[in-house]
Amino acid sequence: MKRRTALTAAVAAPALAVLGSGTAASAQTAFARGADISSLAKSEALGGTYMWSDGWREDAIWILQKSGVNWIRLKVWVNPADGYNNKTHVVNVARRARAAGLNVLVDFHYSDSWADPGQQTKPAAWANYSVAQLKTAVYNHTADVLGAMVAAGAAPQMVQVGNELNGGMLWPTGRYDQLDNLAQFLISGANAVRATVPAAKVMLHLAEGGNNSLFRWFFDAMRARGVTWDAIGASYYPYWHGSLSGLQSNLNDVASRYAKPVYVVETAYPFTASDSDGFANIVSAATPVSGYPASTTGQSNMLKAIANVVKAVPNGRGAGVFWWEATWTAVRGNGWDPADPSSGNGWENQALFDYAWKVTPALKTLGTL
């Protein structure tokens, strides 16, 4: 994601036993019912709580697991201003998730803050690096984080090399008009994944899940330059990224064209149009998409519709759906800007916990896809 406005305009059985230290991750084949919980560690540190609908408090990770979620996703920043979404916190949350039997997808941004189609800023420490130095930095950073996860018994099952790569990464050196460089950076990251966690799948990820020409352009260009991957991830926010039919056409095409599983690895929808923290919501319309009001019912129904699209991809290649920032509730200090503790959230109306800290019905929907 994606600060489009703020930054850039039934208990399910655990999927795996906990891995011992140094054990390679096992690639999973069951449909992924995933939740990105990158904001969770900071929320908890600042007093955020999570509850069932009857008001019973529990660890958010166990609420997700008991609701049927089988994957979590965590982003990694290089040197974030607030000290969250870094190696230490990713390892700690991943260890908790693995203890709950959940699979882990790690999302490398290769930035100190948000990386998305509107910005892919180099980490400050890498700002003056040459292409060769950037390749080495990508490898070392990826291997360092993943190595720490393996050592902690929290090896991931899948790894994103880059986030929403529509415009490339590590701008301007790896921008969309520097495809040879971009390919080298992606090869370097993928090599680090395969050297450190050989069983983990490598995912490449674009936004605009309904934009087939974009996906063909990117993946054709990377394939021609020797980049290899195991899974394709798409962000699909229905109020930004076109119709469900467009998403279906694109996923069907890329799954066949590249013979890889496809995931909607980011999606969300509001359970209300109202605001909780005094900071304007990024999506505030009463009915962001026709037929799907900003309500608990609308949130659940949109998730079902998106999951149906993914499950309809031919040859079983529709592999899963991840809800973006399921636990990003309105907790003071846990806003969008890691450098500004007074920044607001703007996303709390799209979490899977409501303004009373209780689960929304869409969480059960996600867990029973």
Protein backbone atom coordinates (compact mmCIF):
# COMPACT_ATOMS: atom_id res chain seq x y z
CA MET A 1 0.00 0.00 0.00
CA LYS A 2 -0.36 3.03 -0.56
CA ARG A 3 -0.85 6.24 1.19
CA ARG A 4 -2.76 7.40 -1.90
CA THR A 5 -4.16 10.32 0.07
CA ALA A 6 -1.86 10.67 3.02
CA LEU A 7 1.45 9.94 1.36
CA THR A 8 1.11 9.83 -2.36
CA ALA A 9 -2.22 11.46 -3.29
CA ALA A 10 -15.09 -22.53 13.87
CA VAL A 11 -11.41 -22.82 15.02
CA ALA A 12 -9.19 -23.72 12.12
CA ALA A 13 -6.47 -26.26 12.69
CA PRO A 14 -2.97 -24.77 12.54
CA ALA A 15 -1.41 -25.12 9.13
CA LEU A 16 1.96 -26.19 10.48
CA ALA A 17 3.64 -27.21 13.68
CA VAL A 18 6.11 -24.62 14.91
CA LEU A 19 9.42 -24.90 13.15
CA GLY A 20 12.53 -25.50 15.16
CA SER A 21 15.50 -23.17 14.97
CA GLY A 22 17.12 -23.30 11.56
CA THR A 23 14.44 -25.45 9.98
CA ALA A 24 13.49 -24.51 6.42
CA ALA A 25 9.98 -23.31 5.75
CA SER A 26 7.50 -25.61 4.05
CA ALA A 27 5.69 -24.19 1.03
CA GLN A 28 1.95 -24.29 1.63
CA THR A 29 -0.70 -25.31 -0.84
CA ALA A 30 -4.00 -24.66 0.99
CA PHE A 31 -5.96 -21.51 0.12
CA ALA A 32 -4.37 -18.63 1.98
CA ARG A 33 -6.75 -16.81 4.31
CA GLY A 34 -4.32 -14.07 5.23
CA ALA A 35 -4.07 -10.88 7.23
CA ASP A 36 -1.39 -8.22 7.10
CA ILE A 37 -0.70 -7.23 10.73
CA SER A 38 2.35 -5.03 10.24
CA SER A 39 0.97 -2.36 12.59
CA LEU A 40 0.27 -4.78 15.45
CA ALA A 41 3.50 -4.52 17.45
CA LYS A 42 3.29 -0.74 17.65
CA SER A 43 -0.42 -0.81 18.42
CA GLU A 44 0.15 -3.19 21.33
CA ALA A 45 3.04 -1.12 22.66
CA LEU A 46 0.81 1.97 22.68
CA GLY A 47 -2.11 0.29 24.43
CA GLY A 48 -4.13 -1.20 21.59
CA THR A 49 -6.41 -4.06 22.60
CA TYR A 50 -8.32 -6.66 20.61
CA MET A 51 -11.54 -8.41 21.53
CA TRP A 52 -14.11 -10.95 20.43
CA SER A 53 -17.64 -9.69 19.79
CA ASP A 54 -18.63 -10.43 23.42
CA GLY A 55 -15.88 -8.18 24.74
CA TRP A 56 -13.45 -10.97 25.71
CA ARG A 57 -9.89 -9.73 25.21
CA GLU A 58 -7.27 -11.94 23.65
CA ASP A 59 -3.99 -11.71 21.79
CA ALA A 60 -4.88 -10.50 18.30
CA ILE A 61 -2.84 -13.25 16.65
CA TRP A 62 -4.83 -15.92 18.47
CA ILE A 63 -8.10 -14.17 17.60
CA LEU A 64 -7.07 -14.36 13.96
CA GLN A 65 -5.99 -18.00 14.23
CA LYS A 66 -9.13 -19.09 16.06
CA SER A 67 -11.20 -17.29 13.43
CA GLY A 68 -9.61 -19.40 10.69
CA VAL A 69 -6.85 -17.13 9.37
CA ASN A 70 -3.89 -19.28 8.31
CA TRP A 71 -1.34 -16.71 7.08
CA ILE A 72 -0.02 -13.40 8.35
CA ARG A 73 1.95 -10.83 6.38
CA LEU A 74 4.58 -8.47 7.78
CA LYS A 75 6.35 -5.62 6.02
CA VAL A 76 10.03 -4.84 6.57
CA TRP A 77 11.58 -1.39 6.45
CA VAL A 78 15.34 -0.89 6.59
CA ASN A 79 15.77 1.86 9.20
CA PRO A 80 12.34 3.28 10.07
CA ALA A 81 12.16 6.45 12.14
CA ASP A 82 9.95 4.89 14.83
CA GLY A 83 11.89 1.63 15.15
CA TYR A 84 8.95 -0.55 14.10
CA ASN A 85 8.59 -2.78 11.03
CA ASN A 86 12.30 -3.49 11.38
CA LYS A 87 14.13 -6.80 11.79
CA THR A 88 13.60 -7.04 15.54
CA HIS A 89 9.85 -6.51 15.46
CA VAL A 90 9.29 -8.65 12.39
CA VAL A 91 11.15 -11.55 14.02
CA ASN A 92 9.18 -11.18 17.25
CA VAL A 93 5.76 -11.06 15.59
CA ALA A 94 6.65 -13.86 13.18
CA ARG A 95 7.73 -16.04 16.11
CA ARG A 96 4.34 -15.47 17.77
CA ALA A 97 2.54 -16.27 14.54
CA ARG A 98 4.47 -19.49 14.01
CA ALA A 99 3.72 -20.47 17.63
CA ALA A 100 0.03 -20.14 16.72
CA GLY A 101 0.55 -22.39 13.69
CA LEU A 102 0.24 -19.59 11.14
CA ASN A 103 2.24 -19.29 7.94
CA VAL A 104 4.25 -16.12 7.41
CA LEU A 105 4.71 -13.92 4.35
CA VAL A 106 7.46 -11.31 4.68
CA ASP A 107 7.15 -8.16 2.55
CA PHE A 108 10.44 -6.35 1.87
CA HIS A 109 9.98 -2.68 0.94
CA TYR A 110 13.69 -1.83 0.59
CA SER A 111 12.98 1.60 2.03
CA ASP A 112 12.89 3.31 5.42
CA SER A 113 9.18 4.03 4.96
CA TRP A 114 6.30 3.28 2.60
CA ALA A 115 7.13 1.88 -0.82
CA ASP A 116 4.25 1.86 -3.31
CA PRO A 117 3.49 2.99 -6.88
CA GLY A 118 3.91 6.64 -5.91
CA GLN A 119 7.19 6.35 -4.05
CA GLN A 120 10.08 3.94 -3.83
CA THR A 121 12.64 5.94 -1.86
CA LYS A 122 16.02 4.39 -1.18
CA PRO A 123 16.94 3.84 2.46
CA ALA A 124 18.92 6.85 3.64
CA ALA A 125 21.99 4.69 4.23
CA TRP A 126 21.89 3.53 0.60
CA ALA A 127 21.23 6.91 -0.98
CA ASN A 128 24.57 7.27 -2.76
CA TYR A 129 25.18 3.64 -3.60
CA SER A 130 26.14 2.49 -7.09
CA VAL A 131 24.17 -0.22 -8.88
CA ALA A 132 26.65 -2.84 -7.67
CA GLN A 133 26.44 -1.57 -4.10
CA LEU A 134 22.63 -1.57 -4.21
CA LYS A 135 22.60 -5.18 -5.44
CA THR A 136 24.80 -6.14 -2.50
CA ALA A 137 22.70 -4.13 -0.05
CA VAL A 138 19.48 -5.77 -1.24
CA TYR A 139 21.04 -9.22 -0.83
CA ASN A 140 22.54 -8.52 2.57
CA HIS A 141 19.42 -6.86 4.02
CA THR A 142 17.18 -9.68 2.78
CA ALA A 143 19.50 -12.40 4.06
CA ASP A 144 20.00 -10.63 7.39
CA VAL A 145 16.30 -10.40 8.21
CA LEU A 146 15.49 -13.88 6.97
CA GLY A 147 18.50 -15.36 8.75
CA ALA A 148 17.30 -13.84 12.02
CA MET A 149 13.87 -15.33 11.44
CA VAL A 150 15.31 -18.79 10.80
CA ALA A 151 17.47 -18.54 13.92
CA ALA A 152 14.36 -17.65 15.95
CA GLY A 153 12.41 -20.65 14.67
CA ALA A 154 10.19 -18.33 12.63
CA ALA A 155 11.23 -19.07 9.05
CA PRO A 156 8.69 -17.65 6.56
CA GLN A 157 6.84 -19.68 3.96
CA MET A 158 6.83 -16.88 1.37
CA VAL A 159 8.81 -13.70 0.77
CA GLN A 160 7.98 -10.65 -1.30
CA VAL A 161 10.99 -9.12 -3.00
CA GLY A 162 9.69 -5.56 -3.23
CA ASN A 163 6.30 -4.02 -2.62
CA GLU A 164 3.89 -2.75 -5.30
CA LEU A 165 6.60 -2.64 -7.93
CA ASN A 166 4.55 -0.88 -10.63
CA GLY A 167 7.17 1.84 -10.91
CA GLY A 168 10.16 -0.26 -9.89
CA MET A 169 12.12 0.17 -6.64
CA LEU A 170 15.08 2.07 -5.21
CA TRP A 171 14.32 5.19 -7.24
CA PRO A 172 15.72 6.50 -9.45
CA THR A 173 18.26 3.72 -10.01
CA GLY A 174 15.73 0.90 -10.23
CA ARG A 175 12.80 2.90 -11.58
CA TYR A 176 10.44 1.72 -14.36
CA ASP A 177 12.73 3.32 -16.97
CA GLN A 178 15.77 1.43 -15.62
CA LEU A 179 14.51 -2.12 -16.11
CA ASP A 180 17.93 -3.74 -16.38
CA ASN A 181 18.84 -2.37 -12.94
CA LEU A 182 15.47 -3.30 -11.51
CA ALA A 183 15.87 -6.87 -12.69
CA GLN A 184 19.30 -7.11 -11.08
CA PHE A 185 17.90 -5.91 -7.75
CA LEU A 186 15.07 -8.44 -7.90
CA ILE A 187 17.47 -11.26 -8.81
CA SER A 188 19.66 -10.26 -5.86
CA GLY A 189 16.74 -10.31 -3.43
CA ALA A 190 15.43 -13.61 -4.76
CA ASN A 191 18.90 -15.16 -4.53
CA ALA A 192 19.06 -14.12 -0.86
CA VAL A 193 15.69 -15.72 -0.17
CA ARG A 194 16.69 -18.99 -1.81
CA ALA A 195 20.05 -19.09 -0.04
CA THR A 196 18.59 -18.34 3.39
CA VAL A 197 15.18 -20.08 3.35
CA PRO A 198 15.33 -22.47 0.39
CA ALA A 199 11.78 -23.80 0.80
CA ALA A 200 10.16 -20.36 0.84
CA LYS A 201 8.32 -19.11 -2.23
CA VAL A 202 9.49 -15.88 -3.85
CA MET A 203 6.65 -13.49 -4.69
CA LEU A 204 6.69 -10.44 -6.94
CA HIS A 205 3.91 -7.95 -6.25
CA LEU A 206 2.13 -5.21 -8.19
CA ALA A 207 -0.74 -2.90 -7.35
CA GLU A 208 -3.72 -2.33 -9.67
CA GLY A 209 -4.94 -5.91 -9.74
CA GLY A 210 -7.33 -5.22 -12.61
CA ASN A 211 -4.68 -3.74 -14.93
CA ASN A 212 -3.66 -6.55 -17.26
CA SER A 213 -1.45 -4.46 -19.52
CA LEU A 214 0.61 -3.39 -16.49
CA PHE A 215 1.04 -6.95 -15.28
CA ARG A 216 2.03 -8.24 -18.73
CA TRP A 217 4.50 -5.39 -19.23
CA PHE A 218 6.20 -5.92 -15.87
CA PHE A 219 6.36 -9.70 -15.77
CA ASP A 220 7.31 -10.03 -19.44
CA ALA A 221 10.12 -7.51 -18.91
CA MET A 222 11.41 -9.26 -15.79
CA ARG A 223 11.21 -12.72 -17.35
CA ALA A 224 13.17 -11.51 -20.36
CA ARG A 225 15.89 -10.25 -18.00
CA GLY A 226 16.29 -13.50 -16.11
CA VAL A 227 14.19 -12.79 -13.02
CA THR A 228 12.45 -15.87 -11.64
CA TRP A 229 9.62 -16.07 -9.14
CA ASP A 230 7.28 -18.62 -7.59
CA ALA A 231 4.11 -16.58 -6.99
CA ILE A 232 2.43 -13.43 -8.21
CA GLY A 233 0.85 -10.98 -5.79
CA ALA A 234 -1.69 -8.30 -6.66
CA SER A 235 -3.10 -5.45 -4.63
CA TYR A 236 -6.78 -5.03 -5.34
CA TYR A 237 -8.68 -2.24 -3.62
CA PRO A 238 -12.09 -2.23 -5.33
CA TYR A 239 -12.60 1.52 -4.95
CA TRP A 240 -9.30 2.19 -6.83
CA HIS A 241 -8.42 -0.79 -8.99
CA GLY A 242 -11.34 -1.39 -11.30
CA SER A 243 -14.12 -3.93 -11.51
CA LEU A 244 -14.22 -7.44 -10.15
CA SER A 245 -14.50 -8.67 -13.73
CA GLY A 246 -11.28 -6.85 -14.58
CA LEU A 247 -9.56 -8.48 -11.64
CA GLN A 248 -10.83 -11.87 -12.81
CA SER A 249 -9.56 -11.35 -16.35
CA ASN A 250 -6.14 -10.26 -15.17
CA LEU A 251 -5.64 -13.04 -12.64
CA ASN A 252 -6.81 -15.65 -15.13
CA ASP A 253 -4.40 -14.33 -17.73
CA VAL A 254 -1.26 -14.00 -15.61
CA ALA A 255 -1.80 -17.33 -13.87
CA SER A 256 -1.87 -19.00 -17.29
CA ARG A 257 0.77 -16.84 -18.98
CA TYR A 258 3.40 -17.36 -16.28
CA ALA A 259 2.14 -20.72 -14.88
CA LYS A 260 2.33 -19.47 -11.30
CA PRO A 261 -0.13 -19.22 -8.41
CA VAL A 262 -1.71 -15.82 -7.93
CA TYR A 263 -2.75 -14.10 -4.73
CA VAL A 264 -4.68 -10.97 -3.94
CA VAL A 265 -2.08 -10.11 -1.37
CA GLU A 266 -3.65 -6.80 -0.34
CA THR A 267 -7.30 -5.86 -0.16
CA ALA A 268 -9.62 -4.08 2.26
CA TYR A 269 -13.02 -2.41 2.52
CA PRO A 270 -14.63 -0.15 5.13
CA PHE A 271 -17.09 -1.35 7.77
CA THR A 272 -18.19 2.25 8.32
CA ALA A 273 -17.88 5.65 6.67
CA SER A 274 -17.32 7.36 10.03
CA ASP A 275 -13.99 8.42 11.51
CA SER A 276 -12.56 7.44 14.89
CA ASP A 277 -9.33 9.37 15.41
CA GLY A 278 -10.02 12.83 13.97
CA PHE A 279 -7.74 12.16 11.00
CA ALA A 280 -9.65 11.92 7.73
CA ASN A 281 -10.17 8.40 6.44
CA ILE A 282 -8.60 7.56 3.09
CA VAL A 283 -11.90 5.94 2.05
CA SER A 284 -14.89 7.75 3.53
CA ALA A 285 -17.74 7.34 1.04
CA ALA A 286 -20.98 5.83 2.30
CA THR A 287 -20.91 3.43 -0.65
CA PRO A 288 -17.36 3.24 -2.06
CA VAL A 289 -18.42 0.66 -4.66
CA SER A 290 -21.97 0.34 -5.92
CA GLY A 291 -23.81 -2.44 -4.14
CA TYR A 292 -21.35 -2.57 -1.28
CA PRO A 293 -22.10 0.01 1.41
CA ALA A 294 -19.49 0.98 4.00
CA SER A 295 -20.96 -1.33 6.63
CA THR A 296 -20.11 -4.60 8.32
CA THR A 297 -22.29 -6.38 5.78
CA GLY A 298 -20.71 -4.52 2.88
CA GLN A 299 -17.23 -5.32 4.17
CA SER A 300 -18.02 -9.04 4.41
CA ASN A 301 -19.76 -9.18 1.06
CA MET A 302 -16.93 -7.45 -0.75
CA LEU A 303 -14.42 -9.88 0.74
CA LYS A 304 -16.56 -12.82 -0.40
CA ALA A 305 -16.77 -11.38 -3.91
CA ILE A 306 -13.00 -10.92 -4.15
CA ALA A 307 -12.33 -14.41 -2.79
CA ASN A 308 -14.75 -15.86 -5.33
CA VAL A 309 -12.74 -14.22 -8.09
CA VAL A 310 -9.49 -15.71 -6.82
CA LYS A 311 -11.00 -19.16 -6.35
CA ALA A 312 -12.34 -19.07 -9.92
CA VAL A 313 -8.84 -18.76 -11.46
CA PRO A 314 -8.41 -21.89 -13.60
CA ASN A 315 -6.25 -24.89 -12.75
CA GLY A 316 -6.28 -24.18 -9.02
CA ARG A 317 -3.88 -21.29 -9.40
CA GLY A 318 -6.00 -18.86 -7.39
CA ALA A 319 -4.05 -19.29 -4.17
CA GLY A 320 -5.35 -16.87 -1.55
CA VAL A 321 -6.49 -13.50 -0.25
CA PHE A 322 -4.82 -11.26 2.35
CA TRP A 323 -6.62 -8.45 4.20
CA TRP A 324 -4.38 -5.42 4.44
CA GLU A 325 -3.71 -4.10 7.95
CA ALA A 326 -6.40 -6.08 9.75
CA THR A 327 -5.23 -4.82 13.16
CA TRP A 328 -4.55 -1.14 12.35
CA THR A 329 -7.07 0.36 14.75
CA ALA A 330 -7.13 3.97 15.93
CA VAL A 331 -4.43 3.97 18.62
CA ARG A 332 -2.91 7.36 19.41
CA GLY A 333 0.67 7.47 18.14
CA ASN A 334 0.22 4.62 15.66
CA GLY A 335 -0.41 6.78 12.62
CA TRP A 336 0.72 6.55 9.02
CA ASP A 337 3.94 8.56 9.40
CA PRO A 338 6.70 6.74 11.30
CA ALA A 339 8.50 10.04 11.78
CA ASP A 340 5.47 11.85 13.26
CA PRO A 341 3.80 10.35 16.35
CA SER A 342 0.97 12.87 16.05
CA SER A 343 -0.05 11.60 12.61
CA GLY A 344 -3.41 9.87 12.35
CA ASN A 345 -4.34 6.55 10.86
CA GLY A 346 -6.80 7.08 8.02
CA TRP A 347 -7.37 3.33 7.73
CA GLU A 348 -9.10 2.38 10.98
CA ASN A 349 -12.49 2.07 9.27
CA GLN A 350 -11.05 -0.76 7.12
CA ALA A 351 -9.57 -2.85 9.93
CA LEU A 352 -11.13 -6.14 11.00
CA PHE A 353 -11.67 -4.74 14.50
CA ASP A 354 -14.26 -2.02 15.03
CA TYR A 355 -14.18 1.21 17.03
CA ALA A 356 -15.00 -0.74 20.21
CA TRP A 357 -11.91 -2.94 19.54
CA LYS A 358 -14.15 -5.91 18.69
CA VAL A 359 -13.91 -8.21 15.67
CA THR A 360 -16.01 -7.30 12.67
CA PRO A 361 -18.03 -10.04 10.95
CA ALA A 362 -15.60 -9.94 8.02
CA LEU A 363 -12.96 -11.64 10.14
CA LYS A 364 -15.11 -14.76 10.33
CA THR A 365 -15.71 -14.40 6.61
CA LEU A 366 -11.98 -14.30 5.98
CA GLY A 367 -11.39 -17.33 8.19
CA THR A 368 -13.98 -19.43 6.42
CA LEU A 369 -13.13 -18.62 2.79
